[in-house]
């Protein structure tokens, strides 16, 4: 996806329901030298979740686990370069938040609010019944630019969604799809 995102003068990314994914994408884009041309919109249904995501903190005991995931994902630096550790908490450095907009948005009831080149909705649909998931997928489809990308978790797919035929799954990725029409 990074080569494709590079073709846009400015990449808009929507991360639904996970502050951690927003920071992970910020790191990825920074290492790919695309962060300065990107805006990440990190949303959740509750204000409390948004406040936690804005703070960007997690227990320091998880640093080793997160660092291992970072290495497995192809990280080029040390994961600790992106953190400030104080006491029992690790916090992502403020520079990672420069291009992240945190906002309350309920995917089950709110509509599309922008056009995005990438929507990451990992581990989101598992919280919805079939009717709400159908509606959520409709909002996501309306939000993706043509040839934009959708990232889901390994346990989610596009079966029973209103536009399942409008996507192609990307080979060699963990549940990433490209919108074709």
N, C-alpha and C. Protein backbone atom coordinates (compact mmCIF):
# COMPACT_ATOMS: atom_id res chain seq x y z
N UNK A 1 0.80 -1.20 0.00
CA UNK A 1 0.00 0.00 0.00
C UNK A 1 0.84 1.26 0.00
N UNK A 2 2.01 1.23 0.63
CA UNK A 2 2.82 2.44 0.70
C UNK A 2 3.18 3.01 -0.67
N UNK A 3 3.57 2.18 -1.64
CA UNK A 3 3.85 2.76 -2.97
C UNK A 3 2.62 3.47 -3.55
N UNK A 4 1.44 2.91 -3.32
CA UNK A 4 0.21 3.54 -3.83
C UNK A 4 -0.08 4.84 -3.08
N UNK A 5 0.08 4.84 -1.75
CA UNK A 5 -0.15 6.06 -0.98
C UNK A 5 0.82 7.16 -1.41
N UNK A 6 1.99 6.76 -1.84
CA UNK A 6 3.00 7.71 -2.29
C UNK A 6 2.56 8.49 -3.53
N UNK A 7 1.63 7.92 -4.31
CA UNK A 7 1.19 8.58 -5.54
C UNK A 7 0.24 9.74 -5.29
N UNK A 8 -0.32 9.81 -4.10
CA UNK A 8 -1.24 10.91 -3.77
C UNK A 8 -0.46 12.08 -3.19
N UNK A 9 -0.83 13.31 -3.53
CA UNK A 9 -0.11 14.45 -2.96
C UNK A 9 -0.29 14.55 -1.45
N UNK A 10 -1.44 14.05 -0.98
CA UNK A 10 -1.73 14.07 0.46
C UNK A 10 -2.57 12.83 0.75
N UNK A 11 -2.16 12.01 1.70
CA UNK A 11 -2.89 10.78 2.02
C UNK A 11 -3.75 11.00 3.26
N UNK A 12 -5.03 10.65 3.13
CA UNK A 12 -5.96 10.70 4.27
C UNK A 12 -6.24 9.27 4.72
N UNK A 13 -6.06 9.03 6.02
CA UNK A 13 -6.21 7.70 6.59
C UNK A 13 -7.18 7.78 7.75
N UNK A 14 -8.10 6.83 7.79
CA UNK A 14 -9.08 6.76 8.87
C UNK A 14 -8.83 5.47 9.64
N UNK A 15 -8.52 5.61 10.93
CA UNK A 15 -8.34 4.47 11.82
C UNK A 15 -9.54 4.44 12.75
N UNK A 16 -10.30 3.37 12.67
CA UNK A 16 -11.53 3.25 13.45
C UNK A 16 -11.29 2.37 14.66
N UNK A 17 -11.52 2.93 15.84
CA UNK A 17 -11.56 2.13 17.07
C UNK A 17 -10.24 1.68 17.65
N UNK A 18 -9.11 2.24 17.25
CA UNK A 18 -7.85 1.80 17.84
C UNK A 18 -6.80 2.90 17.80
N UNK A 19 -6.53 3.49 18.94
CA UNK A 19 -5.45 4.45 19.03
C UNK A 19 -4.11 3.81 18.73
N UNK A 20 -3.94 2.55 19.14
CA UNK A 20 -2.67 1.85 18.88
C UNK A 20 -2.41 1.75 17.38
N UNK A 21 -3.43 1.45 16.59
CA UNK A 21 -3.25 1.36 15.14
C UNK A 21 -2.88 2.73 14.55
N UNK A 22 -3.43 3.80 15.11
CA UNK A 22 -3.10 5.14 14.62
C UNK A 22 -1.61 5.43 14.85
N UNK A 23 -1.12 5.10 16.02
CA UNK A 23 0.30 5.32 16.31
C UNK A 23 1.19 4.41 15.46
N UNK A 24 0.76 3.16 15.27
CA UNK A 24 1.53 2.23 14.44
C UNK A 24 1.64 2.76 13.01
N UNK A 25 0.54 3.28 12.48
CA UNK A 25 0.58 3.86 11.13
C UNK A 25 1.44 5.12 11.08
N UNK A 26 1.39 5.92 12.15
CA UNK A 26 2.24 7.11 12.20
C UNK A 26 3.71 6.71 12.13
N UNK A 27 4.09 5.66 12.84
CA UNK A 27 5.47 5.17 12.81
C UNK A 27 5.81 4.66 11.41
N UNK A 28 4.93 3.86 10.84
CA UNK A 28 5.15 3.32 9.50
C UNK A 28 5.33 4.43 8.47
N UNK A 29 4.46 5.42 8.52
CA UNK A 29 4.53 6.53 7.57
C UNK A 29 5.77 7.38 7.80
N UNK A 30 6.17 7.54 9.04
CA UNK A 30 7.39 8.30 9.35
C UNK A 30 8.61 7.61 8.76
N UNK A 31 8.69 6.29 8.93
CA UNK A 31 9.83 5.54 8.41
C UNK A 31 9.83 5.48 6.89
N UNK A 32 8.65 5.58 6.27
CA UNK A 32 8.55 5.58 4.81
C UNK A 32 8.67 7.00 4.25
N UNK A 33 8.91 7.97 5.13
CA UNK A 33 9.02 9.37 4.76
C UNK A 33 7.76 9.89 4.07
N UNK A 34 6.61 9.45 4.56
CA UNK A 34 5.31 9.90 4.05
C UNK A 34 4.50 10.65 5.11
N UNK A 35 4.97 10.65 6.33
CA UNK A 35 4.18 11.22 7.42
C UNK A 35 3.85 12.69 7.21
N UNK A 36 4.78 13.43 6.65
CA UNK A 36 4.56 14.86 6.43
C UNK A 36 3.45 15.14 5.42
N UNK A 37 3.08 14.12 4.61
CA UNK A 37 2.02 14.28 3.61
C UNK A 37 0.74 13.54 4.00
N UNK A 38 0.67 13.11 5.24
CA UNK A 38 -0.49 12.30 5.66
C UNK A 38 -1.24 12.97 6.79
N UNK A 39 -2.51 12.64 6.86
CA UNK A 39 -3.35 13.02 7.99
C UNK A 39 -4.08 11.76 8.41
N UNK A 40 -3.94 11.40 9.67
CA UNK A 40 -4.60 10.22 10.22
C UNK A 40 -5.74 10.68 11.10
N UNK A 41 -6.94 10.19 10.81
CA UNK A 41 -8.12 10.48 11.62
C UNK A 41 -8.39 9.24 12.46
N UNK A 42 -8.22 9.35 13.76
CA UNK A 42 -8.43 8.23 14.68
C UNK A 42 -9.74 8.46 15.41
N UNK A 43 -10.70 7.56 15.20
CA UNK A 43 -12.03 7.76 15.79
C UNK A 43 -12.43 6.57 16.63
N UNK A 44 -13.31 6.84 17.56
CA UNK A 44 -13.93 5.81 18.38
C UNK A 44 -15.32 6.31 18.76
N UNK A 45 -16.15 5.39 19.23
CA UNK A 45 -17.53 5.75 19.55
C UNK A 45 -17.66 6.49 20.87
N UNK A 46 -16.68 6.39 21.75
CA UNK A 46 -16.81 7.03 23.07
C UNK A 46 -15.72 8.07 23.28
N UNK A 47 -16.08 9.11 24.00
CA UNK A 47 -15.11 10.15 24.34
C UNK A 47 -13.99 9.60 25.22
N UNK A 48 -14.33 8.66 26.11
CA UNK A 48 -13.32 8.07 27.00
C UNK A 48 -12.23 7.36 26.20
N UNK A 49 -12.64 6.61 25.17
CA UNK A 49 -11.65 5.92 24.33
C UNK A 49 -10.79 6.92 23.57
N UNK A 50 -11.38 8.00 23.13
CA UNK A 50 -10.62 9.03 22.42
C UNK A 50 -9.61 9.68 23.35
N UNK A 51 -10.00 9.97 24.57
CA UNK A 51 -9.06 10.57 25.53
C UNK A 51 -7.89 9.64 25.81
N UNK A 52 -8.16 8.34 25.95
CA UNK A 52 -7.06 7.37 26.15
C UNK A 52 -6.13 7.37 24.94
N UNK A 53 -6.71 7.38 23.75
CA UNK A 53 -5.90 7.36 22.53
C UNK A 53 -5.06 8.64 22.40
N UNK A 54 -5.64 9.79 22.72
CA UNK A 54 -4.91 11.05 22.65
C UNK A 54 -3.68 11.02 23.55
N UNK A 55 -3.85 10.44 24.72
CA UNK A 55 -2.73 10.39 25.67
C UNK A 55 -1.62 9.47 25.16
N UNK A 56 -1.97 8.41 24.44
CA UNK A 56 -0.98 7.53 23.83
C UNK A 56 -0.14 6.75 24.81
N UNK A 57 -0.70 6.41 25.95
CA UNK A 57 0.05 5.68 26.98
C UNK A 57 -0.39 4.22 27.04
N UNK A 58 0.54 3.39 27.46
CA UNK A 58 0.24 1.99 27.71
C UNK A 58 1.21 1.49 28.78
N UNK A 59 0.89 0.37 29.44
CA UNK A 59 1.76 -0.13 30.50
C UNK A 59 3.16 -0.45 29.97
N UNK A 60 4.18 -0.02 30.71
CA UNK A 60 5.57 -0.22 30.29
C UNK A 60 5.91 -1.69 30.12
N UNK A 61 5.20 -2.57 30.81
CA UNK A 61 5.49 -4.00 30.69
C UNK A 61 5.15 -4.54 29.30
N UNK A 62 4.41 -3.78 28.48
CA UNK A 62 4.08 -4.20 27.13
C UNK A 62 5.10 -3.75 26.09
N UNK A 63 6.09 -2.96 26.49
CA UNK A 63 7.06 -2.41 25.54
C UNK A 63 7.77 -3.52 24.78
N UNK A 64 8.22 -4.57 25.47
CA UNK A 64 8.94 -5.65 24.79
C UNK A 64 8.05 -6.35 23.76
N UNK A 65 6.80 -6.59 24.12
CA UNK A 65 5.86 -7.23 23.19
C UNK A 65 5.63 -6.34 21.97
N UNK A 66 5.39 -5.06 22.19
CA UNK A 66 5.17 -4.12 21.09
C UNK A 66 6.43 -3.99 20.24
N UNK A 67 7.59 -4.00 20.88
CA UNK A 67 8.85 -3.90 20.14
C UNK A 67 9.04 -5.12 19.23
N UNK A 68 8.66 -6.29 19.72
CA UNK A 68 8.76 -7.50 18.91
C UNK A 68 7.84 -7.42 17.69
N UNK A 69 6.62 -6.94 17.89
CA UNK A 69 5.69 -6.77 16.77
C UNK A 69 6.24 -5.76 15.76
N UNK A 70 6.85 -4.71 16.28
CA UNK A 70 7.45 -3.68 15.43
C UNK A 70 8.53 -4.29 14.54
N UNK A 71 9.39 -5.09 15.12
CA UNK A 71 10.46 -5.75 14.36
C UNK A 71 9.87 -6.71 13.33
N UNK A 72 8.86 -7.50 13.74
CA UNK A 72 8.23 -8.44 12.81
C UNK A 72 7.55 -7.73 11.65
N UNK A 73 7.08 -6.52 11.89
CA UNK A 73 6.41 -5.75 10.84
C UNK A 73 7.41 -5.03 9.93
N UNK A 74 8.70 -5.16 10.22
CA UNK A 74 9.71 -4.56 9.36
C UNK A 74 10.21 -3.21 9.82
N UNK A 75 9.98 -2.87 11.09
CA UNK A 75 10.48 -1.60 11.62
C UNK A 75 11.97 -1.45 11.40
N UNK A 76 12.40 -0.23 11.09
CA UNK A 76 13.80 0.00 10.73
C UNK A 76 14.64 0.59 11.86
N UNK A 77 14.00 1.08 12.87
CA UNK A 77 14.73 1.70 13.97
C UNK A 77 14.49 0.89 15.24
N UNK A 78 14.77 1.49 16.36
CA UNK A 78 14.41 0.85 17.63
C UNK A 78 13.04 1.38 18.03
N UNK A 79 12.17 0.49 18.45
CA UNK A 79 10.83 0.91 18.85
C UNK A 79 10.90 1.94 19.97
N UNK A 80 11.87 1.81 20.84
CA UNK A 80 12.01 2.73 21.97
C UNK A 80 12.29 4.17 21.50
N UNK A 81 12.74 4.36 20.25
CA UNK A 81 12.96 5.70 19.72
C UNK A 81 11.66 6.51 19.66
N UNK A 82 10.54 5.82 19.65
CA UNK A 82 9.24 6.48 19.52
C UNK A 82 8.52 6.64 20.86
N UNK A 83 9.20 6.30 21.95
CA UNK A 83 8.55 6.27 23.26
C UNK A 83 9.26 7.14 24.28
N UNK A 84 8.48 7.55 25.25
CA UNK A 84 8.99 8.14 26.48
C UNK A 84 8.51 7.21 27.59
N UNK A 85 9.43 6.71 28.41
CA UNK A 85 9.06 5.79 29.48
C UNK A 85 9.32 6.47 30.81
N UNK A 86 8.26 6.50 31.61
CA UNK A 86 8.35 7.12 32.91
C UNK A 86 7.55 6.29 33.90
N UNK A 87 8.23 5.81 34.92
CA UNK A 87 7.55 4.97 35.89
C UNK A 87 7.05 3.70 35.24
N UNK A 88 5.79 3.39 35.44
CA UNK A 88 5.22 2.17 34.89
C UNK A 88 4.48 2.35 33.59
N UNK A 89 4.69 3.52 32.94
CA UNK A 89 3.94 3.79 31.70
C UNK A 89 4.88 4.20 30.57
N UNK A 90 4.52 3.78 29.39
CA UNK A 90 5.19 4.20 28.16
C UNK A 90 4.21 5.08 27.40
N UNK A 91 4.71 6.16 26.83
CA UNK A 91 3.87 7.09 26.07
C UNK A 91 4.55 7.37 24.74
N UNK A 92 3.75 7.34 23.67
CA UNK A 92 4.28 7.68 22.36
C UNK A 92 4.73 9.14 22.37
N UNK A 93 5.84 9.43 21.71
CA UNK A 93 6.37 10.79 21.68
C UNK A 93 5.39 11.72 20.97
N UNK A 94 5.33 12.98 21.42
CA UNK A 94 4.38 13.94 20.83
C UNK A 94 4.52 14.12 19.32
N UNK A 95 5.70 13.95 18.77
CA UNK A 95 5.89 14.12 17.32
C UNK A 95 5.02 13.15 16.52
N UNK A 96 4.68 12.00 17.11
CA UNK A 96 3.82 11.04 16.40
C UNK A 96 2.38 11.52 16.32
N UNK A 97 1.98 12.44 17.18
CA UNK A 97 0.61 12.92 17.21
C UNK A 97 0.40 14.14 16.30
N UNK A 98 1.47 14.67 15.72
CA UNK A 98 1.37 15.91 14.93
C UNK A 98 0.36 15.82 13.79
N UNK A 99 0.22 14.66 13.17
CA UNK A 99 -0.67 14.53 12.03
C UNK A 99 -1.83 13.57 12.32
N UNK A 100 -2.14 13.39 13.60
CA UNK A 100 -3.27 12.56 13.98
C UNK A 100 -4.36 13.46 14.55
N UNK A 101 -5.57 13.30 14.02
CA UNK A 101 -6.74 14.00 14.53
C UNK A 101 -7.59 12.97 15.27
N UNK A 102 -7.82 13.18 16.55
CA UNK A 102 -8.63 12.28 17.35
C UNK A 102 -10.04 12.86 17.46
N UNK A 103 -11.05 12.04 17.18
CA UNK A 103 -12.42 12.54 17.22
C UNK A 103 -13.40 11.42 17.55
N UNK A 104 -14.53 11.80 18.13
CA UNK A 104 -15.59 10.85 18.43
C UNK A 104 -16.40 10.64 17.16
N UNK A 105 -16.62 9.38 16.79
CA UNK A 105 -17.43 9.02 15.64
C UNK A 105 -17.96 7.62 15.87
N UNK A 106 -19.26 7.47 15.76
CA UNK A 106 -19.88 6.16 15.96
C UNK A 106 -20.19 5.57 14.59
N UNK A 107 -19.44 4.56 14.22
CA UNK A 107 -19.58 3.95 12.90
C UNK A 107 -20.97 3.36 12.69
N UNK A 108 -21.64 2.97 13.77
CA UNK A 108 -22.96 2.36 13.65
C UNK A 108 -24.07 3.39 13.41
N UNK A 109 -23.82 4.65 13.76
CA UNK A 109 -24.90 5.63 13.61
C UNK A 109 -24.51 6.89 12.83
N UNK A 110 -23.23 7.21 12.75
CA UNK A 110 -22.79 8.41 12.03
C UNK A 110 -22.46 8.07 10.58
N UNK A 111 -22.46 9.08 9.75
CA UNK A 111 -22.16 8.88 8.34
C UNK A 111 -20.70 9.16 8.00
N UNK A 112 -20.40 9.12 6.74
CA UNK A 112 -19.07 9.41 6.24
C UNK A 112 -18.76 10.89 6.47
N UNK A 113 -17.50 11.20 6.77
CA UNK A 113 -17.14 12.60 7.00
C UNK A 113 -15.97 13.07 6.14
N UNK A 114 -15.46 12.22 5.27
CA UNK A 114 -14.36 12.61 4.40
C UNK A 114 -14.13 11.49 3.39
N UNK A 115 -13.23 11.70 2.44
CA UNK A 115 -12.79 10.64 1.54
C UNK A 115 -11.40 10.22 1.96
N UNK A 116 -11.18 8.90 2.05
CA UNK A 116 -9.92 8.38 2.57
C UNK A 116 -9.25 7.46 1.57
N UNK A 117 -7.93 7.45 1.64
CA UNK A 117 -7.13 6.56 0.80
C UNK A 117 -6.94 5.21 1.48
N UNK A 118 -7.04 5.19 2.80
CA UNK A 118 -6.92 3.97 3.59
C UNK A 118 -7.85 4.07 4.78
N UNK A 119 -8.62 3.01 5.01
CA UNK A 119 -9.45 2.89 6.20
C UNK A 119 -9.00 1.62 6.92
N UNK A 120 -8.58 1.77 8.17
CA UNK A 120 -8.20 0.63 9.00
C UNK A 120 -9.31 0.42 10.02
N UNK A 121 -10.01 -0.69 9.88
CA UNK A 121 -11.13 -1.02 10.78
C UNK A 121 -10.88 -2.41 11.36
N UNK A 122 -9.74 -2.57 12.00
CA UNK A 122 -9.34 -3.87 12.52
C UNK A 122 -10.02 -4.13 13.87
N UNK A 123 -10.64 -5.30 13.97
CA UNK A 123 -11.32 -5.73 15.19
C UNK A 123 -12.49 -4.82 15.55
N UNK A 124 -13.13 -4.25 14.55
CA UNK A 124 -14.26 -3.37 14.76
C UNK A 124 -15.57 -4.11 14.49
N UNK A 125 -15.66 -4.77 13.35
CA UNK A 125 -16.91 -5.40 12.93
C UNK A 125 -17.33 -6.54 13.86
N UNK A 126 -16.39 -7.13 14.57
CA UNK A 126 -16.74 -8.24 15.47
C UNK A 126 -17.63 -7.77 16.62
N UNK A 127 -17.70 -6.47 16.86
CA UNK A 127 -18.53 -5.93 17.93
C UNK A 127 -19.97 -5.65 17.46
N UNK A 128 -20.24 -5.81 16.16
CA UNK A 128 -21.55 -5.48 15.62
C UNK A 128 -22.31 -6.74 15.23
N UNK A 129 -23.64 -6.64 15.33
CA UNK A 129 -24.46 -7.71 14.75
C UNK A 129 -24.46 -7.51 13.23
N UNK A 130 -25.08 -8.42 12.52
CA UNK A 130 -25.03 -8.38 11.06
C UNK A 130 -25.61 -7.08 10.49
N UNK A 131 -26.69 -6.59 11.05
CA UNK A 131 -27.32 -5.36 10.55
C UNK A 131 -26.41 -4.16 10.73
N UNK A 132 -25.82 -4.02 11.91
CA UNK A 132 -24.92 -2.89 12.15
C UNK A 132 -23.63 -3.01 11.34
N UNK A 133 -23.13 -4.22 11.18
CA UNK A 133 -21.93 -4.43 10.37
C UNK A 133 -22.20 -4.04 8.92
N UNK A 134 -23.38 -4.40 8.42
CA UNK A 134 -23.77 -4.04 7.05
C UNK A 134 -23.75 -2.51 6.89
N UNK A 135 -24.35 -1.82 7.85
CA UNK A 135 -24.39 -0.36 7.81
C UNK A 135 -22.99 0.23 7.92
N UNK A 136 -22.17 -0.31 8.81
CA UNK A 136 -20.80 0.18 8.99
C UNK A 136 -20.00 0.02 7.70
N UNK A 137 -20.15 -1.12 7.06
CA UNK A 137 -19.45 -1.33 5.79
C UNK A 137 -19.93 -0.34 4.72
N UNK A 138 -21.19 0.02 4.75
CA UNK A 138 -21.71 1.01 3.81
C UNK A 138 -21.01 2.35 4.03
N UNK A 139 -20.88 2.76 5.29
CA UNK A 139 -20.21 4.03 5.61
C UNK A 139 -18.74 3.98 5.16
N UNK A 140 -18.09 2.87 5.42
CA UNK A 140 -16.68 2.73 5.02
C UNK A 140 -16.55 2.81 3.50
N UNK A 141 -17.42 2.11 2.78
CA UNK A 141 -17.37 2.14 1.32
C UNK A 141 -17.53 3.56 0.80
N UNK A 142 -18.48 4.28 1.37
CA UNK A 142 -18.72 5.68 0.96
C UNK A 142 -17.53 6.57 1.29
N UNK A 143 -16.72 6.16 2.24
CA UNK A 143 -15.59 6.97 2.70
C UNK A 143 -14.31 6.70 1.92
N UNK A 144 -14.23 5.57 1.25
CA UNK A 144 -13.01 5.20 0.52
C UNK A 144 -13.00 5.78 -0.89
N UNK A 145 -11.87 6.36 -1.28
CA UNK A 145 -11.73 6.79 -2.67
C UNK A 145 -11.64 5.54 -3.53
N UNK A 146 -11.95 5.67 -4.81
CA UNK A 146 -11.78 4.56 -5.73
C UNK A 146 -10.31 4.16 -5.72
N UNK A 147 -10.04 2.88 -5.63
CA UNK A 147 -8.71 2.29 -5.50
C UNK A 147 -8.10 2.54 -4.12
N UNK A 148 -8.94 2.95 -3.15
CA UNK A 148 -8.49 3.08 -1.76
C UNK A 148 -8.43 1.72 -1.10
N UNK A 149 -7.84 1.68 0.08
CA UNK A 149 -7.59 0.41 0.77
C UNK A 149 -8.38 0.31 2.06
N UNK A 150 -8.78 -0.92 2.36
CA UNK A 150 -9.49 -1.24 3.59
C UNK A 150 -8.72 -2.33 4.31
N UNK A 151 -8.40 -2.09 5.57
CA UNK A 151 -7.72 -3.09 6.38
C UNK A 151 -8.64 -3.63 7.45
N UNK A 152 -8.79 -4.94 7.49
CA UNK A 152 -9.59 -5.62 8.50
C UNK A 152 -8.69 -6.55 9.30
N UNK A 153 -9.21 -7.10 10.39
CA UNK A 153 -8.42 -8.06 11.16
C UNK A 153 -8.54 -9.44 10.53
N UNK A 154 -7.72 -10.36 10.98
CA UNK A 154 -7.71 -11.72 10.42
C UNK A 154 -9.05 -12.42 10.59
N UNK A 155 -9.84 -12.03 11.58
CA UNK A 155 -11.13 -12.68 11.84
C UNK A 155 -12.29 -12.03 11.12
N UNK A 156 -12.03 -11.01 10.32
CA UNK A 156 -13.09 -10.30 9.63
C UNK A 156 -12.94 -10.45 8.12
N UNK A 157 -14.07 -10.37 7.43
CA UNK A 157 -14.02 -10.40 5.97
C UNK A 157 -15.15 -9.55 5.41
N UNK A 158 -15.31 -9.57 4.12
CA UNK A 158 -16.32 -8.75 3.45
C UNK A 158 -17.58 -9.52 3.08
N UNK A 159 -17.65 -10.78 3.49
CA UNK A 159 -18.84 -11.57 3.20
C UNK A 159 -20.06 -10.93 3.87
N UNK A 160 -21.16 -10.91 3.20
CA UNK A 160 -22.42 -10.33 3.67
C UNK A 160 -22.36 -8.81 3.80
N UNK A 161 -21.45 -8.16 3.10
CA UNK A 161 -21.42 -6.71 3.11
C UNK A 161 -22.06 -6.19 1.83
N UNK A 162 -22.54 -4.95 1.84
CA UNK A 162 -23.26 -4.46 0.66
C UNK A 162 -22.40 -4.33 -0.60
N UNK A 163 -21.09 -4.25 -0.45
CA UNK A 163 -20.24 -4.01 -1.61
C UNK A 163 -19.10 -5.03 -1.71
N UNK A 164 -19.32 -6.24 -1.28
CA UNK A 164 -18.22 -7.20 -1.25
C UNK A 164 -17.58 -7.42 -2.62
N UNK A 165 -18.34 -7.28 -3.68
CA UNK A 165 -17.79 -7.48 -5.03
C UNK A 165 -17.03 -6.26 -5.55
N UNK A 166 -17.10 -5.17 -4.81
CA UNK A 166 -16.42 -3.95 -5.24
C UNK A 166 -14.98 -3.89 -4.72
N UNK A 167 -14.54 -4.97 -4.06
CA UNK A 167 -13.19 -5.01 -3.50
C UNK A 167 -12.43 -6.22 -4.04
N UNK A 168 -11.11 -6.10 -4.04
CA UNK A 168 -10.26 -7.26 -4.29
C UNK A 168 -9.30 -7.38 -3.10
N UNK A 169 -9.07 -8.61 -2.66
CA UNK A 169 -8.14 -8.83 -1.56
C UNK A 169 -6.72 -8.77 -2.11
N UNK A 170 -5.85 -8.11 -1.39
CA UNK A 170 -4.46 -7.98 -1.82
C UNK A 170 -3.68 -9.21 -1.38
N UNK A 171 -2.98 -9.81 -2.31
CA UNK A 171 -2.16 -10.98 -2.01
C UNK A 171 -1.02 -10.59 -1.08
N UNK A 172 -0.67 -11.51 -0.19
CA UNK A 172 0.48 -11.30 0.68
C UNK A 172 0.24 -10.31 1.81
N UNK A 173 -1.02 -9.98 2.08
CA UNK A 173 -1.33 -9.06 3.17
C UNK A 173 -2.28 -9.75 4.14
N UNK A 174 -2.34 -9.22 5.32
CA UNK A 174 -3.27 -9.75 6.31
C UNK A 174 -4.58 -8.99 6.23
N UNK A 175 -5.46 -9.44 5.36
CA UNK A 175 -6.82 -8.90 5.24
C UNK A 175 -6.88 -7.44 4.81
N UNK A 176 -6.12 -7.11 3.77
CA UNK A 176 -6.23 -5.78 3.17
C UNK A 176 -6.89 -5.92 1.82
N UNK A 177 -7.79 -5.00 1.53
CA UNK A 177 -8.59 -5.02 0.31
C UNK A 177 -8.45 -3.68 -0.40
N UNK A 178 -8.61 -3.71 -1.73
CA UNK A 178 -8.61 -2.49 -2.52
C UNK A 178 -9.99 -2.31 -3.13
N UNK A 179 -10.52 -1.10 -2.99
CA UNK A 179 -11.81 -0.79 -3.60
C UNK A 179 -11.60 -0.60 -5.09
N UNK A 180 -12.36 -1.35 -5.89
CA UNK A 180 -12.21 -1.30 -7.34
C UNK A 180 -13.14 -0.31 -8.01
N UNK A 181 -14.31 -0.12 -7.48
CA UNK A 181 -15.28 0.77 -8.12
C UNK A 181 -15.98 1.63 -7.10
